[in-house]
PDB file of N, CA and C in Angstrom:
ATOM      1  N   MET A   1     -81.682  30.289 -93.088  1.00  0.00           N
ATOM      2  CA  MET A   1     -81.311  30.628 -91.757  1.00  0.00           C
ATOM      3  C   MET A   1     -82.215  29.789 -90.288  1.00  0.00           C
ATOM      4  N   LYS A   2     -82.680  28.835 -90.784  1.00  0.00           N
ATOM      5  CA  LYS A   2     -83.517  27.920 -89.807  1.00  0.00           C
ATOM      6  C   LYS A   2     -82.610  27.136 -89.410  1.00  0.00           C
ATOM      7  N   GLN A   3     -81.723  26.663 -90.540  1.00  0.00           N
ATOM      8  CA  GLN A   3     -81.087  25.801 -90.022  1.00  0.00           C
ATOM      9  C   GLN A   3     -79.578  26.245 -89.308  1.00  0.00           C
ATOM     10  N   ALA A   4     -79.175  27.265 -89.423  1.00  0.00           N
ATOM     11  CA  ALA A   4     -78.235  28.340 -88.787  1.00  0.00           C
ATOM     12  C   ALA A   4     -78.480  28.231 -87.510  1.00  0.00           C
ATOM     13  N   ILE A   5     -79.539  29.133 -87.106  1.00  0.00           N
ATOM     14  CA  ILE A   5     -80.065  29.031 -85.819  1.00  0.00           C
ATOM     15  C   ILE A   5     -80.108  27.464 -84.737  1.00  0.00           C
ATOM     16  N   GLN A   6     -80.516  26.378 -85.789  1.00  0.00           N
ATOM     17  CA  GLN A   6     -80.624  25.114 -84.733  1.00  0.00           C
ATOM     18  C   GLN A   6     -78.914  25.010 -84.948  1.00  0.00           C
ATOM     19  N   GLU A   7     -78.331  24.927 -85.590  1.00  0.00           N
ATOM     20  CA  GLU A   7     -77.059  24.495 -85.041  1.00  0.00           C
ATOM     21  C   GLU A   7     -76.051  25.596 -84.250  1.00  0.00           C
ATOM     22  N   LYS A   8     -76.442  26.332 -84.152  1.00  0.00           N
ATOM     23  CA  LYS A   8     -75.742  27.254 -83.657  1.00  0.00           C
ATOM     24  C   LYS A   8     -76.394  27.258 -82.133  1.00  0.00           C
ATOM     25  N   SER A   9     -77.569  26.861 -82.125  1.00  0.00           N
ATOM     26  CA  SER A   9     -78.051  27.027 -80.768  1.00  0.00           C
ATOM     27  C   SER A   9     -77.394  25.514 -80.024  1.00  0.00           C
ATOM     28  N   PHE A  10     -77.831  24.646 -80.910  1.00  0.00           N
ATOM     29  CA  PHE A  10     -77.406  23.367 -80.166  1.00  0.00           C
ATOM     30  C   PHE A  10     -75.805  23.323 -80.197  1.00  0.00           C
ATOM     31  N   SER A  11     -74.837  23.863 -80.630  1.00  0.00           N
ATOM     32  CA  SER A  11     -73.619  23.888 -80.478  1.00  0.00           C
ATOM     33  C   SER A  11     -73.285  24.613 -78.966  1.00  0.00           C
ATOM     34  N   PHE A  12     -74.149  25.784 -79.005  1.00  0.00           N
ATOM     35  CA  PHE A  12     -74.012  26.982 -77.735  1.00  0.00           C
ATOM     36  C   PHE A  12     -74.375  25.627 -76.421  1.00  0.00           C
ATOM     37  N   ALA A  13     -75.484  24.883 -76.634  1.00  0.00           N
ATOM     38  CA  ALA A  13     -75.860  24.328 -75.116  1.00  0.00           C
ATOM     39  C   ALA A  13     -74.697  23.116 -75.117  1.00  0.00           C
ATOM     40  N   ILE A  14     -73.973  22.751 -76.184  1.00  0.00           N
ATOM     41  CA  ILE A  14     -72.950  22.211 -75.564  1.00  0.00           C
ATOM     42  C   ILE A  14     -71.944  22.987 -75.173  1.00  0.00           C
ATOM     43  N   ARG A  15     -71.096  24.387 -75.147  1.00  0.00           N
ATOM     44  CA  ARG A  15     -70.900  24.488 -74.574  1.00  0.00           C
ATOM     45  C   ARG A  15     -71.278  25.113 -73.086  1.00  0.00           C
ATOM     46  N   ILE A  16     -72.237  25.404 -72.782  1.00  0.00           N
ATOM     47  CA  ILE A  16     -72.615  25.713 -71.671  1.00  0.00           C
ATOM     48  C   ILE A  16     -72.833  24.197 -70.696  1.00  0.00           C
ATOM     49  N   VAL A  17     -73.242  23.298 -71.614  1.00  0.00           N
ATOM     50  CA  VAL A  17     -72.987  22.125 -70.332  1.00  0.00           C
ATOM     51  C   VAL A  17     -71.631  22.100 -69.848  1.00  0.00           C
ATOM     52  N   ASN A  18     -70.512  22.289 -71.172  1.00  0.00           N
ATOM     53  CA  ASN A  18     -69.262  22.043 -70.561  1.00  0.00           C
ATOM     54  C   ASN A  18     -68.764  22.882 -69.383  1.00  0.00           C
ATOM     55  N   LEU A  19     -69.725  24.092 -69.780  1.00  0.00           N
ATOM     56  CA  LEU A  19     -68.937  25.435 -68.963  1.00  0.00           C
ATOM     57  C   LEU A  19     -69.613  25.322 -67.059  1.00  0.00           C
ATOM     58  N   CYS A  20     -70.951  24.477 -67.483  1.00  0.00           N
ATOM     59  CA  CYS A  20     -71.464  24.503 -65.983  1.00  0.00           C
ATOM     60  C   CYS A  20     -70.661  23.170 -65.555  1.00  0.00           C
ATOM     61  N   ARG A  21     -70.327  22.048 -66.147  1.00  0.00           N
ATOM     62  CA  ARG A  21     -69.237  21.368 -65.643  1.00  0.00           C
ATOM     63  C   ARG A  21     -68.009  21.772 -65.130  1.00  0.00           C
ATOM     64  N   PHE A  22     -67.464  22.466 -65.702  1.00  0.00           N
ATOM     65  CA  PHE A  22     -66.240  23.184 -65.005  1.00  0.00           C
ATOM     66  C   PHE A  22     -66.592  24.179 -63.561  1.00  0.00           C
ATOM     67  N   LEU A  23     -67.794  24.767 -63.966  1.00  0.00           N
ATOM     68  CA  LEU A  23     -67.719  25.240 -62.745  1.00  0.00           C
ATOM     69  C   LEU A  23     -68.347  24.819 -61.662  1.00  0.00           C
ATOM     70  N   ARG A  24     -69.048  23.441 -61.897  1.00  0.00           N
ATOM     71  CA  ARG A  24     -69.380  22.761 -60.680  1.00  0.00           C
ATOM     72  C   ARG A  24     -68.258  21.532 -60.400  1.00  0.00           C
ATOM     73  N   ASP A  25     -67.361  21.748 -61.086  1.00  0.00           N
ATOM     74  CA  ASP A  25     -66.209  20.538 -60.810  1.00  0.00           C
ATOM     75  C   ASP A  25     -64.949  21.636 -59.885  1.00  0.00           C
ATOM     76  N   GLU A  26     -64.752  22.335 -61.334  1.00  0.00           N
ATOM     77  CA  GLU A  26     -63.113  23.008 -60.469  1.00  0.00           C
ATOM     78  C   GLU A  26     -63.896  24.031 -59.813  1.00  0.00           C
ATOM     79  N   GLN A  27     -64.659  25.067 -60.045  1.00  0.00           N
ATOM     80  CA  GLN A  27     -64.872  26.317 -59.258  1.00  0.00           C
ATOM     81  C   GLN A  27     -66.158  25.559 -57.957  1.00  0.00           C
ATOM     82  N   SER A  28     -66.561  24.857 -57.798  1.00  0.00           N
ATOM     83  CA  SER A  28     -67.566  24.052 -56.755  1.00  0.00           C
ATOM     84  C   SER A  28     -68.600  25.161 -56.592  1.00  0.00           C
ATOM     85  N   GLU A  29     -69.123  25.739 -57.997  1.00  0.00           N
ATOM     86  CA  GLU A  29     -70.230  26.631 -58.098  1.00  0.00           C
ATOM     87  C   GLU A  29     -71.486  25.994 -58.286  1.00  0.00           C
ATOM     88  N   TYR A  30     -72.438  25.966 -57.530  1.00  0.00           N
ATOM     89  CA  TYR A  30     -73.469  25.157 -58.163  1.00  0.00           C
ATOM     90  C   TYR A  30     -75.105  25.890 -58.114  1.00  0.00           C
ATOM     91  N   VAL A  31     -75.273  26.980 -57.866  1.00  0.00           N
ATOM     92  CA  VAL A  31     -76.606  27.709 -57.872  1.00  0.00           C
ATOM     93  C   VAL A  31     -76.601  28.332 -58.978  1.00  0.00           C
ATOM     94  N   LEU A  32     -75.087  29.359 -59.111  1.00  0.00           N
ATOM     95  CA  LEU A  32     -75.444  30.150 -60.729  1.00  0.00           C
ATOM     96  C   LEU A  32     -75.272  28.868 -61.712  1.00  0.00           C
ATOM     97  N   SER A  33     -74.265  28.299 -61.451  1.00  0.00           N
ATOM     98  CA  SER A  33     -74.510  27.481 -62.350  1.00  0.00           C
ATOM     99  C   SER A  33     -75.503  26.801 -63.231  1.00  0.00           C
ATOM    100  N   LYS A  34     -76.338  26.341 -62.405  1.00  0.00           N
ATOM    101  CA  LYS A  34     -77.859  25.832 -62.823  1.00  0.00           C
ATOM    102  C   LYS A  34     -78.347  26.274 -63.456  1.00  0.00           C
ATOM    103  N   GLN A  35     -78.671  27.383 -62.881  1.00  0.00           N
ATOM    104  CA  GLN A  35     -79.561  29.033 -63.506  1.00  0.00           C
ATOM    105  C   GLN A  35     -79.015  28.911 -64.828  1.00  0.00           C
ATOM    106  N   LEU A  36     -77.680  29.126 -65.163  1.00  0.00           N
ATOM    107  CA  LEU A  36     -76.945  28.649 -66.608  1.00  0.00           C
ATOM    108  C   LEU A  36     -77.000  28.064 -67.451  1.00  0.00           C
ATOM    109  N   LEU A  37     -77.404  26.474 -66.982  1.00  0.00           N
ATOM    110  CA  LEU A  37     -77.857  25.201 -67.464  1.00  0.00           C
ATOM    111  C   LEU A  37     -78.995  25.506 -68.252  1.00  0.00           C
ATOM    112  N   ARG A  38     -80.233  25.692 -66.915  1.00  0.00           N
ATOM    113  CA  ARG A  38     -81.353  25.748 -67.489  1.00  0.00           C
ATOM    114  C   ARG A  38     -81.575  26.513 -68.679  1.00  0.00           C
ATOM    115  N   SER A  39     -80.869  28.067 -68.199  1.00  0.00           N
ATOM    116  CA  SER A  39     -81.674  29.026 -69.398  1.00  0.00           C
ATOM    117  C   SER A  39     -80.820  28.973 -70.511  1.00  0.00           C
ATOM    118  N   GLY A  40     -79.125  28.480 -70.773  1.00  0.00           N
ATOM    119  CA  GLY A  40     -78.493  28.183 -71.876  1.00  0.00           C
ATOM    120  C   GLY A  40     -79.313  27.022 -72.699  1.00  0.00           C
ATOM    121  N   THR A  41     -79.682  26.168 -72.224  1.00  0.00           N
ATOM    122  CA  THR A  41     -80.036  24.838 -73.095  1.00  0.00           C
ATOM    123  C   THR A  41     -81.429  24.973 -73.592  1.00  0.00           C
ATOM    124  N   SER A  42     -82.215  25.783 -72.831  1.00  0.00           N
ATOM    125  CA  SER A  42     -83.297  25.891 -73.314  1.00  0.00           C
ATOM    126  C   SER A  42     -83.660  26.703 -74.419  1.00  0.00           C
ATOM    127  N   ILE A  43     -82.937  27.654 -74.759  1.00  0.00           N
ATOM    128  CA  ILE A  43     -82.966  28.540 -76.109  1.00  0.00           C
ATOM    129  C   ILE A  43     -82.876  27.354 -77.186  1.00  0.00           C
ATOM    130  N   GLY A  44     -82.292  25.941 -77.198  1.00  0.00           N
ATOM    131  CA  GLY A  44     -82.284  25.611 -78.424  1.00  0.00           C
ATOM    132  C   GLY A  44     -83.264  24.337 -78.561  1.00  0.00           C
ATOM    133  N   ALA A  45     -83.674  24.322 -77.120  1.00  0.00           N
ATOM    134  CA  ALA A  45     -85.133  23.407 -77.021  1.00  0.00           C
ATOM    135  C   ALA A  45     -86.174  23.793 -77.603  1.00  0.00           C
ATOM    136  N   ASN A  46     -86.357  25.335 -77.655  1.00  0.00           N
ATOM    137  CA  ASN A  46     -87.077  26.223 -77.871  1.00  0.00           C
ATOM    138  C   ASN A  46     -87.004  26.524 -79.367  1.00  0.00           C
ATOM    139  N   VAL A  47     -85.965  26.216 -79.943  1.00  0.00           N
ATOM    140  CA  VAL A  47     -85.755  26.835 -81.382  1.00  0.00           C
ATOM    141  C   VAL A  47     -86.059  25.158 -82.180  1.00  0.00           C
ATOM    142  N   ALA A  48     -85.858  23.920 -81.248  1.00  0.00           N
ATOM    143  CA  ALA A  48     -86.326  22.839 -81.757  1.00  0.00           C
ATOM    144  C   ALA A  48     -87.678  22.732 -82.110  1.00  0.00           C
ATOM    145  N   GLU A  49     -88.591  23.495 -80.844  1.00  0.00           N
ATOM    146  CA  GLU A  49     -89.999  23.432 -80.713  1.00  0.00           C
ATOM    147  C   GLU A  49     -90.676  24.385 -81.906  1.00  0.00           C
ATOM    148  N   ALA A  50     -89.802  25.146 -82.198  1.00  0.00           N
ATOM    149  CA  ALA A  50     -90.509  26.577 -83.303  1.00  0.00           C
ATOM    150  C   ALA A  50     -90.325  25.416 -84.623  1.00  0.00           C
ATOM    151  N   GLN A  51     -89.674  24.752 -84.679  1.00  0.00           N
ATOM    152  CA  GLN A  51     -89.276  24.165 -86.220  1.00  0.00           C
ATOM    153  C   GLN A  51     -90.863  22.949 -86.422  1.00  0.00           C
ATOM    154  N   GLN A  52     -91.252  23.092 -85.401  1.00  0.00           N
ATOM    155  CA  GLN A  52     -92.651  21.931 -85.412  1.00  0.00           C
ATOM    156  C   GLN A  52     -93.767  23.051 -84.822  1.00  0.00           C
ATOM    157  N   ALA A  53     -93.743  24.036 -85.185  1.00  0.00           N
ATOM    158  CA  ALA A  53     -94.917  24.792 -84.602  1.00  0.00           C
ATOM    159  C   ALA A  53     -95.729  24.542 -85.584  1.00  0.00           C
ATOM    160  N   GLN A  54     -96.989  24.681 -84.822  1.00  0.00           N
ATOM    161  CA  GLN A  54     -98.556  24.345 -85.366  1.00  0.00           C
ATOM    162  C   GLN A  54     -98.796  25.621 -86.328  1.00  0.00           C
ATOM    163  N   SER A  55     -98.415  26.853 -86.073  1.00  0.00           N
ATOM    164  CA  SER A  55     -99.261  27.855 -86.915  1.00  0.00           C
ATOM    165  C   SER A  55     -97.930  28.653 -86.867  1.00  0.00           C
ATOM    166  N   LYS A  56     -97.802  29.736 -87.314  1.00  0.00           N
ATOM    167  CA  LYS A  56     -97.030  31.450 -87.584  1.00  0.00           C
ATOM    168  C   LYS A  56     -96.841  31.810 -86.618  1.00  0.00           C
ATOM    169  N   ALA A  57     -98.170  32.376 -85.454  1.00  0.00           N
ATOM    170  CA  ALA A  57     -97.876  32.287 -84.245  1.00  0.00           C
ATOM    171  C   ALA A  57     -97.482  31.746 -83.331  1.00  0.00           C
ATOM    172  N   ASP A  58     -97.391  30.652 -83.004  1.00  0.00           N
ATOM    173  CA  ASP A  58     -96.993  29.668 -82.818  1.00  0.00           C
ATOM    174  C   ASP A  58     -95.449  29.891 -82.488  1.00  0.00           C
ATOM    175  N   PHE A  59     -95.356  29.699 -83.699  1.00  0.00           N
ATOM    176  CA  PHE A  59     -94.052  29.549 -83.981  1.00  0.00           C
ATOM    177  C   PHE A  59     -93.175  30.741 -83.595  1.00  0.00           C
ATOM    178  N   ILE A  60     -93.834  32.008 -83.814  1.00  0.00           N
ATOM    179  CA  ILE A  60     -93.151  33.020 -83.307  1.00  0.00           C
ATOM    180  C   ILE A  60     -93.009  33.169 -81.960  1.00  0.00           C
ATOM    181  N   ASN A  61     -94.123  32.362 -81.432  1.00  0.00           N
ATOM    182  CA  ASN A  61     -94.151  32.768 -79.797  1.00  0.00           C
ATOM    183  C   ASN A  61     -92.536  31.698 -79.582  1.00  0.00           C
ATOM    184  N   LYS A  62     -92.624  30.344 -79.855  1.00  0.00           N
ATOM    185  CA  LYS A  62     -91.143  29.798 -79.377  1.00  0.00           C
ATOM    186  C   LYS A  62     -90.174  30.306 -79.826  1.00  0.00           C
ATOM    187  N   VAL A  63     -90.159  31.331 -80.714  1.00  0.00           N
ATOM    188  CA  VAL A  63     -88.924  31.961 -81.054  1.00  0.00           C
ATOM    189  C   VAL A  63     -88.452  32.816 -79.988  1.00  0.00           C
ATOM    190  N   ASN A  64     -89.713  33.585 -79.660  1.00  0.00           N
ATOM    191  CA  ASN A  64     -89.740  34.856 -78.930  1.00  0.00           C
ATOM    192  C   ASN A  64     -89.052  34.021 -77.025  1.00  0.00           C
ATOM    193  N   VAL A  65     -89.974  32.819 -76.700  1.00  0.00           N
ATOM    194  CA  VAL A  65     -89.157  32.336 -75.425  1.00  0.00           C
ATOM    195  C   VAL A  65     -87.641  31.695 -76.002  1.00  0.00           C
ATOM    196  N   ALA A  66     -87.179  31.489 -76.935  1.00  0.00           N
ATOM    197  CA  ALA A  66     -85.942  31.235 -76.998  1.00  0.00           C
ATOM    198  C   ALA A  66     -85.227  32.717 -76.951  1.00  0.00           C
ATOM    199  N   LEU A  67     -85.332  33.629 -77.281  1.00  0.00           N
ATOM    200  CA  LEU A  67     -84.930  35.167 -77.475  1.00  0.00           C
ATOM    201  C   LEU A  67     -84.863  35.433 -75.561  1.00  0.00           C
ATOM    202  N   LYS A  68     -85.820  35.050 -74.944  1.00  0.00           N
ATOM    203  CA  LYS A  68     -85.968  35.557 -73.568  1.00  0.00           C
ATOM    204  C   LYS A  68     -84.924  34.325 -72.669  1.00  0.00           C
ATOM    205  N   GLU A  69     -84.951  33.695 -73.310  1.00  0.00           N
ATOM    206  CA  GLU A  69     -83.931  32.353 -72.663  1.00  0.00           C
ATOM    207  C   GLU A  69     -82.429  32.895 -72.881  1.00  0.00           C
ATOM    208  N   ALA A  70     -82.234  33.196 -74.044  1.00  0.00           N
ATOM    209  CA  ALA A  70     -81.068  33.878 -74.459  1.00  0.00           C
ATOM    210  C   ALA A  70     -80.206  34.972 -73.840  1.00  0.00           C
ATOM    211  N   TYR A  71     -81.641  35.702 -73.506  1.00  0.00           N
ATOM    212  CA  TYR A  71     -81.352  37.103 -72.733  1.00  0.00           C
ATOM    213  C   TYR A  71     -80.932  37.079 -70.988  1.00  0.00           C
ATOM    214  N   GLU A  72     -82.180  35.758 -70.771  1.00  0.00           N
ATOM    215  CA  GLU A  72     -81.494  35.335 -69.448  1.00  0.00           C
ATOM    216  C   GLU A  72     -80.161  34.618 -69.380  1.00  0.00           C
ATOM    217  N   THR A  73     -79.627  33.808 -70.222  1.00  0.00           N
ATOM    218  CA  THR A  73     -78.348  33.412 -70.115  1.00  0.00           C
ATOM    219  C   THR A  73     -77.189  34.515 -70.077  1.00  0.00           C
ATOM    220  N   ASN A  74     -77.402  35.655 -71.023  1.00  0.00           N
ATOM    221  CA  ASN A  74     -76.351  36.680 -70.875  1.00  0.00           C
ATOM    222  C   ASN A  74     -76.455  37.370 -69.482  1.00  0.00           C
ATOM    223  N   TYR A  75     -77.242  37.346 -68.900  1.00  0.00           N
ATOM    224  CA  TYR A  75     -77.214  37.827 -68.121  1.00  0.00           C
ATOM    225  C   TYR A  75     -76.662  36.928 -66.518  1.00  0.00           C
ATOM    226  N   TRP A  76     -76.500  35.827 -66.615  1.00  0.00           N
ATOM    227  CA  TRP A  76     -75.871  34.764 -65.955  1.00  0.00           C
ATOM    228  C   TRP A  76     -74.552  34.568 -66.097  1.00  0.00           C
ATOM    229  N   ILE A  77     -74.054  34.699 -67.519  1.00  0.00           N
ATOM    230  CA  ILE A  77     -72.822  34.877 -67.789  1.00  0.00           C
ATOM    231  C   ILE A  77     -72.464  36.118 -67.152  1.00  0.00           C
ATOM    232  N   ARG A  78     -72.872  37.117 -67.659  1.00  0.00           N
ATOM    233  CA  ARG A  78     -72.031  38.506 -67.267  1.00  0.00           C
ATOM    234  C   ARG A  78     -72.235  38.276 -65.744  1.00  0.00           C
ATOM    235  N   LEU A  79     -72.647  38.223 -64.793  1.00  0.00           N
ATOM    236  CA  LEU A  79     -73.037  37.457 -63.269  1.00  0.00           C
ATOM    237  C   LEU A  79     -71.397  36.739 -62.928  1.00  0.00           C
ATOM    238  N   LEU A  80     -71.633  35.469 -63.536  1.00  0.00           N
ATOM    239  CA  LEU A  80     -70.659  34.403 -63.852  1.00  0.00           C
ATOM    240  C   LEU A  80     -69.196  35.669 -63.600  1.00  0.00           C
ATOM    241  N   HIS A  81     -69.425  36.235 -64.709  1.00  0.00           N
ATOM    242  CA  HIS A  81     -67.962  37.096 -64.818  1.00  0.00           C
ATOM    243  C   HIS A  81     -67.195  38.473 -64.124  1.00  0.00           C
ATOM    244  N   ALA A  82     -68.495  38.789 -63.485  1.00  0.00           N
ATOM    245  CA  ALA A  82     -68.859  40.196 -62.810  1.00  0.00           C
ATOM    246  C   ALA A  82     -67.963  39.394 -60.922  1.00  0.00           C
ATOM    247  N   THR A  83     -68.484  38.060 -60.824  1.00  0.00           N
ATOM    248  CA  THR A  83     -68.318  37.366 -59.538  1.00  0.00           C
ATOM    249  C   THR A  83     -67.065  36.327 -59.895  1.00  0.00           C
ATOM    250  N   GLN A  84     -65.998  36.748 -60.261  1.00  0.00           N
ATOM    251  CA  GLN A  84     -65.166  36.058 -61.468  1.00  0.00           C
ATOM    252  C   GLN A  84     -64.779  34.916 -61.407  1.00  0.00           C
ATOM    253  N   TYR A  85     -66.295  33.988 -61.487  1.00  0.00           N
ATOM    254  CA  TYR A  85     -65.879  32.590 -61.813  1.00  0.00           C
ATOM    255  C   TYR A  85     -65.605  32.382 -63.001  1.00  0.00           C
ATOM    256  N   LEU A  86     -66.146  33.645 -63.934  1.00  0.00           N
ATOM    257  CA  LEU A  86     -65.820  33.327 -65.504  1.00  0.00           C
ATOM    258  C   LEU A  86     -64.246  34.110 -65.977  1.00  0.00           C
ATOM    259  N   LYS A  87     -63.191  33.974 -66.087  1.00  0.00           N
ATOM    260  CA  LYS A  87     -62.369  34.976 -66.336  1.00  0.00           C
ATOM    261  C   LYS A  87     -62.483  35.543 -67.544  1.00  0.00           C
ATOM    262  N   THR A  88     -61.901  36.827 -68.093  1.00  0.00           N
ATOM    263  CA  THR A  88     -61.796  37.777 -69.275  1.00  0.00           C
ATOM    264  C   THR A  88     -62.044  37.069 -70.466  1.00  0.00           C
ATOM    265  N   LYS A  89     -61.397  36.296 -70.502  1.00  0.00           N
ATOM    266  CA  LYS A  89     -60.819  35.355 -72.199  1.00  0.00           C
ATOM    267  C   LYS A  89     -62.186  34.480 -72.328  1.00  0.00           C
ATOM    268  N   GLU A  90     -62.424  33.578 -71.069  1.00  0.00           N
ATOM    269  CA  GLU A  90     -63.470  32.756 -71.557  1.00  0.00           C
ATOM    270  C   GLU A  90     -65.128  33.461 -71.619  1.00  0.00           C
ATOM    271  N   TYR A  91     -65.096  34.537 -71.073  1.00  0.00           N
ATOM    272  CA  TYR A  91     -66.174  35.227 -70.790  1.00  0.00           C
ATOM    273  C   TYR A  91     -66.172  35.766 -71.921  1.00  0.00           C
ATOM    274  N   GLU A  92     -65.771  36.369 -72.945  1.00  0.00           N
ATOM    275  CA  GLU A  92     -65.554  36.751 -74.075  1.00  0.00           C
ATOM    276  C   GLU A  92     -65.594  36.118 -75.032  1.00  0.00           C
ATOM    277  N   SER A  93     -65.608  34.867 -75.098  1.00  0.00           N
ATOM    278  CA  SER A  93     -65.674  33.666 -75.634  1.00  0.00           C
ATOM    279  C   SER A  93     -67.551  33.487 -76.177  1.00  0.00           C
ATOM    280  N   ILE A  94     -67.582  33.240 -74.901  1.00  0.00           N
ATOM    281  CA  ILE A  94     -69.284  32.885 -74.781  1.00  0.00           C
ATOM    282  C   ILE A  94     -70.190  33.925 -74.892  1.00  0.00           C
ATOM    283  N   ILE A  95     -69.620  34.831 -74.580  1.00  0.00           N
ATOM    284  CA  ILE A  95     -70.667  36.002 -74.268  1.00  0.00           C
ATOM    285  C   ILE A  95     -71.408  36.331 -75.664  1.00  0.00           C
ATOM    286  N   SER A  96     -69.575  36.576 -76.679  1.00  0.00           N
ATOM    287  CA  SER A  96     -70.093  36.452 -78.101  1.00  0.00           C
ATOM    288  C   SER A  96     -70.803  35.827 -79.086  1.00  0.00           C
ATOM    289  N   ASP A  97     -71.061  34.349 -78.512  1.00  0.00           N
ATOM    290  CA  ASP A  97     -71.954  33.640 -79.021  1.00  0.00           C
ATOM    291  C   ASP A  97     -73.136  33.805 -78.356  1.00  0.00           C
ATOM    292  N   CYS A  98     -73.560  34.273 -77.143  1.00  0.00           N
ATOM    293  CA  CYS A  98     -74.914  34.187 -76.911  1.00  0.00           C
ATOM    294  C   CYS A  98     -75.586  35.437 -77.500  1.00  0.00           C
ATOM    295  N   THR A  99     -74.111  36.778 -77.677  1.00  0.00           N
ATOM    296  CA  THR A  99     -74.826  38.057 -78.269  1.00  0.00           C
ATOM    297  C   THR A  99     -75.233  37.880 -80.044  1.00  0.00           C
ATOM    298  N   GLU A 100     -74.324  36.719 -80.818  1.00  0.00           N
ATOM    299  CA  GLU A 100     -75.111  36.421 -82.063  1.00  0.00           C
ATOM    300  C   GLU A 100     -76.243  35.361 -81.795  1.00  0.00           C
ATOM    301  N   LEU A 101     -76.605  34.564 -80.661  1.00  0.00           N
ATOM    302  CA  LEU A 101     -77.609  33.840 -81.183  1.00  0.00           C
ATOM    303  C   LEU A 101     -78.938  34.905 -80.781  1.00  0.00           C
ATOM    304  N   GLU A 102     -78.583  36.324 -79.935  1.00  0.00           N
ATOM    305  CA  GLU A 102     -79.719  36.948 -79.589  1.00  0.00           C
ATOM    306  C   GLU A 102     -80.014  37.648 -80.987  1.00  0.00           C
ATOM    307  N   LYS A 103     -79.072  37.989 -81.398  1.00  0.00           N
ATOM    308  CA  LYS A 103     -79.298  38.964 -82.651  1.00  0.00           C
ATOM    309  C   LYS A 103     -79.763  38.268 -83.679  1.00  0.00           C
ATOM    310  N   LEU A 104     -79.675  36.791 -84.025  1.00  0.00           N
ATOM    311  CA  LEU A 104     -80.234  35.675 -84.836  1.00  0.00           C
ATOM    312  C   LEU A 104     -81.675  35.704 -84.914  1.00  0.00           C
ATOM    313  N   LEU A 105     -81.841  35.515 -83.425  1.00  0.00           N
ATOM    314  CA  LEU A 105     -83.333  35.467 -83.135  1.00  0.00           C
ATOM    315  C   LEU A 105     -84.351  36.370 -83.332  1.00  0.00           C
ATOM    316  N   ILE A 106     -83.654  37.658 -82.847  1.00  0.00           N
ATOM    317  CA  ILE A 106     -84.203  38.755 -83.213  1.00  0.00           C
ATOM    318  C   ILE A 106     -84.736  38.749 -84.907  1.00  0.00           C
ATOM    319  N   ALA A 107     -83.597  38.410 -85.528  1.00  0.00           N
ATOM    320  CA  ALA A 107     -83.794  38.858 -86.548  1.00  0.00           C
ATOM    321  C   ALA A 107     -85.514  37.797 -87.623  1.00  0.00           C
ATOM    322  N   ILE A 108     -85.103  36.188 -87.041  1.00  0.00           N
ATOM    323  CA  ILE A 108     -85.964  35.348 -87.251  1.00  0.00           C
ATOM    324  C   ILE A 108     -87.390  36.161 -86.951  1.00  0.00           C
ATOM    325  N   THR A 109     -87.454  36.782 -85.683  1.00  0.00           N
ATOM    326  CA  THR A 109     -88.787  37.073 -85.056  1.00  0.00           C
ATOM    327  C   THR A 109     -89.453  38.340 -86.027  1.00  0.00           C
ATOM    328  N   LYS A 110     -88.333  39.244 -86.288  1.00  0.00           N
ATOM    329  CA  LYS A 110     -88.754  40.329 -87.200  1.00  0.00           C
ATOM    330  C   LYS A 110     -89.184  39.803 -88.607  1.00  0.00           C
ATOM    331  N   SER A 111     -88.605  38.793 -89.131  1.00  0.00           N
ATOM    332  CA  SER A 111     -88.788  38.303 -90.705  1.00  0.00           C
ATOM    333  C   SER A 111     -90.119  37.400 -90.314  1.00  0.00           C
ATOM    334  N   ALA A 112     -90.378  36.411 -89.841  1.00  0.00           N
ATOM    335  CA  ALA A 112     -91.849  36.096 -89.197  1.00  0.00           C
ATOM    336  C   ALA A 112     -92.868  36.706 -89.012  1.00  0.00           C
ATOM    337  N   ARG A 113     -92.762  38.379 -88.579  1.00  0.00           N
ATOM    338  CA  ARG A 113     -93.819  38.405 -88.283  1.00  0.00           C
ATOM    339  C   ARG A 113     -94.291  39.347 -89.207  1.00  0.00           C
ATOM    340  N   LYS A 114     -93.115  39.402 -90.713  1.00  0.00           N
ATOM    341  CA  LYS A 114     -93.601  40.432 -91.934  1.00  0.00           C
ATOM    342  C   LYS A 114     -94.953  39.497 -92.951  1.00  0.00           C
TER     343      LYS A 114
END
């Protein structure tokens, strides 16, 4: 599962970078996209840090931070859709990826606590 979350969070970060570039260049949206860029790329960064955790508690902490960032990213994606910066098709695609990451991170956290 560790490999899956690393790959999925990295791929998601790429999608976020590309989405933010689109929002900035095509929609002239700078504030929300910057927030989305920070939280959306932070998920993978925290997953990468978790792989080098110094203890089980450190690992759980890093995964929890990644989960919090995923929740924040979910919020920004929903807000961008509600304010019509994201069309429904774009929204559904990226929100499903975000939700999948949330579920994986929850499962990893639960498994690590056993």
